[in-house]
Protein backbone atom coordinates (compact mmCIF):
# COMPACT_ATOMS: atom_id res chain seq x y z
CA MET A 1 23.67 -65.50 81.20
CA LYS A 2 26.21 -68.27 81.85
CA VAL A 3 29.42 -66.64 83.06
CA LEU A 4 32.63 -68.55 83.67
CA ILE A 5 34.71 -66.83 86.36
CA THR A 6 38.30 -67.71 87.20
CA GLY A 7 39.25 -67.05 90.81
CA GLY A 8 35.53 -67.15 91.55
CA SER A 9 35.85 -68.52 95.07
CA SER A 10 37.30 -65.39 96.68
CA GLY A 11 37.92 -61.67 96.28
CA LEU A 12 36.78 -59.98 93.10
CA GLY A 13 35.90 -63.29 91.46
CA ALA A 14 33.52 -64.23 94.27
CA ALA A 15 31.95 -60.76 94.12
CA VAL A 16 31.42 -61.15 90.37
CA ALA A 17 29.87 -64.59 90.92
CA ARG A 18 27.46 -63.17 93.49
CA ARG A 19 26.54 -60.29 91.18
CA VAL A 20 25.94 -62.61 88.23
CA ALA A 21 23.65 -64.77 90.39
CA ALA A 22 21.84 -61.70 91.75
CA ASP A 23 21.21 -60.53 88.19
CA GLY A 24 19.61 -63.86 87.34
CA GLY A 25 22.63 -65.41 85.63
CA THR A 26 24.56 -68.61 86.25
CA PRO A 27 28.10 -68.30 87.63
CA LEU A 28 30.52 -71.09 86.67
CA ILE A 29 33.59 -71.05 88.88
CA VAL A 30 37.15 -72.15 88.16
CA ASP A 31 39.43 -71.94 91.19
CA LEU A 32 41.98 -73.86 93.25
CA HIS A 33 39.52 -73.79 96.15
CA PRO A 34 35.80 -74.62 96.31
CA PRO A 35 33.39 -71.68 96.53
CA LYS A 36 31.75 -70.71 99.80
CA THR A 37 28.64 -68.79 100.72
CA GLU A 38 28.96 -65.31 102.24
CA ASP A 39 28.78 -66.83 105.73
CA GLY A 40 31.74 -69.12 104.95
CA ALA A 41 29.88 -72.39 104.44
CA PRO A 42 30.67 -74.61 101.42
CA ASP A 43 28.51 -73.60 98.45
CA GLY A 44 27.33 -76.76 96.78
CA GLU A 45 24.85 -74.91 94.60
CA VAL A 46 27.42 -73.35 92.27
CA MET A 47 28.92 -75.22 89.31
CA PHE A 48 32.63 -75.52 90.04
CA ARG A 49 35.78 -77.05 88.60
CA GLN A 50 39.04 -77.12 90.52
CA ALA A 51 42.01 -76.05 88.41
CA ASP A 52 45.52 -74.67 88.69
CA LEU A 53 45.71 -71.99 86.02
CA ALA A 54 49.47 -72.44 85.82
CA ASP A 55 48.67 -75.81 84.20
CA ARG A 56 47.29 -75.10 80.73
CA ARG A 57 45.72 -78.51 80.21
CA CYS A 58 44.09 -78.40 83.63
CA ALA A 59 42.64 -74.96 82.86
CA GLU A 60 41.33 -76.15 79.50
CA ARG A 61 39.66 -79.21 81.04
CA ALA A 62 37.91 -76.99 83.59
CA VAL A 63 36.54 -74.68 80.89
CA HIS A 64 35.32 -77.53 78.70
CA GLY A 65 33.82 -79.37 81.67
CA LEU A 66 31.83 -76.38 82.88
CA ALA A 67 30.73 -75.39 79.38
CA ARG A 68 29.40 -78.88 78.74
CA GLU A 69 27.68 -79.04 82.12
CA ALA A 70 26.04 -75.65 81.65
CA GLY A 71 25.15 -76.17 78.00
CA GLY A 72 27.40 -73.39 76.71
CA LEU A 73 28.94 -70.10 77.78
CA ASP A 74 27.85 -66.50 77.33
CA ALA A 75 30.80 -64.76 78.98
CA VAL A 76 34.15 -65.26 80.67
CA VAL A 77 35.64 -63.12 83.45
CA THR A 78 39.31 -63.86 84.21
CA ALA A 79 39.52 -62.57 87.78
CA ALA A 80 42.13 -65.01 89.12
CA GLY A 81 45.45 -63.45 90.08
CA ILE A 82 48.44 -63.92 92.38
CA ASP A 83 51.56 -61.94 93.31
CA ALA A 84 55.11 -62.46 94.55
CA CYS A 85 56.47 -59.24 96.00
CA GLY A 86 60.13 -58.37 96.35
CA LYS A 87 63.26 -57.41 94.49
CA LEU A 88 63.85 -59.54 91.40
CA ASN A 89 66.83 -61.34 92.89
CA ASP A 90 65.03 -61.93 96.20
CA VAL A 91 61.97 -63.66 94.76
CA PRO A 92 62.54 -67.38 94.05
CA ALA A 93 62.48 -67.98 90.29
CA GLU A 94 59.69 -70.55 90.64
CA ASP A 95 57.47 -68.06 92.50
CA TRP A 96 58.22 -65.30 89.98
CA GLU A 97 57.41 -67.51 87.02
CA ARG A 98 54.22 -68.82 88.61
CA VAL A 99 52.83 -65.27 88.77
CA VAL A 100 53.25 -64.94 85.02
CA GLN A 101 51.90 -68.44 84.44
CA VAL A 102 48.71 -67.81 86.43
CA ASN A 103 48.03 -64.18 85.62
CA LEU A 104 48.98 -64.06 81.94
CA LEU A 105 49.28 -67.56 80.52
CA GLY A 106 46.33 -68.79 82.59
CA THR A 107 44.21 -65.95 81.25
CA ALA A 108 45.16 -66.81 77.68
CA ALA A 109 44.51 -70.54 78.23
CA VAL A 110 41.02 -69.95 79.63
CA VAL A 111 40.07 -67.47 76.92
CA ARG A 112 41.41 -69.74 74.17
CA ALA A 113 39.37 -72.67 75.46
CA ALA A 114 36.23 -70.54 75.87
CA ILE A 115 36.18 -68.85 72.46
CA PRO A 116 34.53 -71.75 70.57
CA TYR A 117 31.62 -71.61 73.04
CA LEU A 118 31.39 -67.82 73.04
CA GLU A 119 31.22 -67.80 69.25
CA HIS A 120 27.88 -69.60 69.53
CA ALA A 121 26.49 -67.22 72.15
CA PRO A 122 24.13 -64.46 70.94
CA ASN A 123 26.29 -61.77 72.57
CA GLY A 124 29.52 -63.39 73.75
CA ARG A 125 31.69 -61.39 76.14
CA ILE A 126 35.18 -61.61 77.62
CA VAL A 127 36.31 -59.50 80.58
CA THR A 128 40.02 -59.73 81.35
CA CYS A 129 41.45 -58.44 84.60
CA ALA A 130 44.56 -56.27 84.28
CA SER A 131 45.60 -53.81 87.00
CA THR A 132 46.70 -50.24 87.49
CA LEU A 133 50.12 -51.91 87.79
CA GLY A 134 49.66 -53.13 84.24
CA LEU A 135 49.92 -49.49 83.19
CA LYS A 136 52.23 -48.05 85.83
CA ALA A 137 55.30 -49.93 87.05
CA VAL A 138 56.55 -49.87 90.63
CA SER A 139 59.54 -51.33 92.42
CA ASP A 140 59.44 -54.81 93.98
CA ALA A 141 56.66 -55.89 91.60
CA THR A 142 58.48 -57.16 88.52
CA ALA A 143 56.51 -60.41 88.37
CA TYR A 144 53.11 -58.79 88.85
CA CYS A 145 53.84 -55.88 86.52
CA ALA A 146 55.22 -58.21 83.85
CA SER A 147 52.10 -60.37 84.03
CA LYS A 148 49.63 -57.49 84.05
CA PHE A 149 51.42 -55.47 81.38
CA GLY A 150 51.10 -58.69 79.38
CA VAL A 151 47.36 -58.88 80.08
CA VAL A 152 47.02 -55.31 78.79
CA GLY A 153 48.71 -56.17 75.49
CA PHE A 154 46.84 -59.46 75.22
CA SER A 155 43.48 -57.79 75.85
CA ARG A 156 43.99 -54.99 73.37
CA ALA A 157 45.15 -57.37 70.65
CA LEU A 158 42.29 -59.74 71.44
CA ALA A 159 39.72 -56.94 71.15
CA THR A 160 41.03 -56.18 67.67
CA GLU A 161 41.09 -59.85 66.71
CA LEU A 162 37.53 -60.56 67.87
CA ALA A 163 35.95 -57.24 66.88
CA GLY A 164 32.43 -57.76 65.61
CA HIS A 165 32.28 -61.34 66.93
CA ILE A 166 32.95 -61.40 70.68
CA GLY A 167 33.09 -58.35 72.93
CA VAL A 168 36.28 -57.80 74.93
CA THR A 169 36.54 -55.56 77.98
CA MET A 170 39.80 -54.99 79.85
CA LEU A 171 39.11 -54.24 83.51
CA VAL A 172 41.83 -52.17 85.23
CA PRO A 173 41.16 -52.30 88.98
CA GLY A 174 43.04 -50.45 91.66
CA GLY A 175 43.39 -51.61 95.25
CA MET A 176 40.54 -53.70 96.64
CA ASP A 177 39.72 -54.84 100.16
CA THR A 178 40.33 -58.57 99.63
CA ALA A 179 42.55 -61.37 100.92
CA PHE A 180 44.95 -60.63 98.04
CA PHE A 181 47.23 -58.81 100.48
CA ASP A 182 47.14 -61.50 103.19
CA GLY A 183 50.39 -63.28 103.99
CA ARG A 184 52.65 -60.53 102.65
CA ASP A 185 55.46 -58.84 104.50
CA GLU A 186 54.12 -55.75 106.20
CA GLN A 187 55.90 -53.40 103.77
CA TYR A 188 53.82 -54.83 100.92
CA ARG A 189 50.45 -54.52 102.63
CA PRO A 190 48.16 -51.49 102.43
CA GLY A 191 48.61 -49.22 105.41
CA PRO A 192 45.92 -48.82 108.08
CA ASP A 193 44.66 -45.64 106.42
CA ALA A 194 44.65 -47.04 102.87
CA LYS A 195 41.52 -46.40 100.84
CA LEU A 196 40.47 -49.61 99.08
CA ASN A 197 37.45 -50.39 96.91
CA ARG A 198 34.85 -52.94 97.91
CA PRO A 199 34.96 -55.94 95.52
CA ALA A 200 31.20 -55.65 95.12
CA ASP A 201 31.58 -52.17 93.63
CA VAL A 202 34.13 -53.40 91.10
CA ALA A 203 31.88 -56.38 90.33
CA ALA A 204 29.10 -53.89 89.52
CA ALA A 205 31.38 -52.39 86.87
CA VAL A 206 31.96 -55.86 85.43
CA ALA A 207 28.20 -56.42 85.34
CA PHE A 208 27.83 -53.12 83.47
CA ALA A 209 30.30 -54.26 80.82
CA LEU A 210 28.54 -57.62 80.47
CA SER A 211 25.14 -55.97 80.11
CA GLN A 212 25.92 -53.91 77.02
CA PRO A 213 23.76 -54.64 73.99
CA ALA A 214 25.16 -56.40 70.95
CA GLY A 215 27.37 -54.07 68.94
CA CYS A 216 28.24 -51.89 71.95
CA GLU A 217 31.36 -52.60 73.99
CA VAL A 218 33.14 -51.11 76.97
CA ARG A 219 36.68 -51.79 75.75
CA GLU A 220 38.60 -50.59 78.83
CA LEU A 221 37.35 -49.84 82.32
CA VAL A 222 39.48 -48.33 85.11
CA VAL A 223 37.87 -48.74 88.54
CA CYS A 224 39.94 -47.56 91.48
CA PRO A 225 39.62 -45.82 94.85
CA ALA A 226 39.41 -42.04 94.59
CA GLU A 227 42.83 -41.80 96.26
CA GLU A 228 44.46 -44.71 94.44
CA PRO A 229 48.25 -44.10 94.65
CA SER A 230 49.08 -46.15 91.53
CA TRP A 231 46.69 -44.24 89.24
CA PRO A 232 47.24 -42.13 87.26
């Protein structure tokens, strides 16, 4: 299985790439940064295209380049995501808008570019990455919530649009132990006692969705720590 993964160089995306490879598939990575092995060394074995998902044309070129190099696509997992925490009037407009551009518009751009390839796959699949904060809003997260609420609506509409042709799964992850929280003000980081999921465990859920036989789809999949504060 040839799986294109956005954000595949770190966090959940890297965990999905490792799981795809472990299952005998071929991960194709789109990211701002080159992929690395688990010990931190550059990974020259993985097919990779550098792209800023806030730039639609750049994202499209990355998808087409990888699809041509790999000889097609079987699935897409849109794991890339960023955040800009703070009150609406405290977050610079450019930072706020970039969250929506990457998380929502970048997802749509990648999926749009990938569909022609997935239509030729025997069991094409799309896994979008929403969030528990795409279903439950919290303060100081207007950019992230706006983008992920958008991914929820996009994914549900897309599943209806592609029904019977390409499978669509919306992944709704809770907090994960990744670098996603690095660089934030302390008030926006998980506390020392926070319970966070391992990315590998969430990647296993993605692999489950991708492994369903033709005609069977996992439409929505919530995967969160047992004590996730933002769900339900």
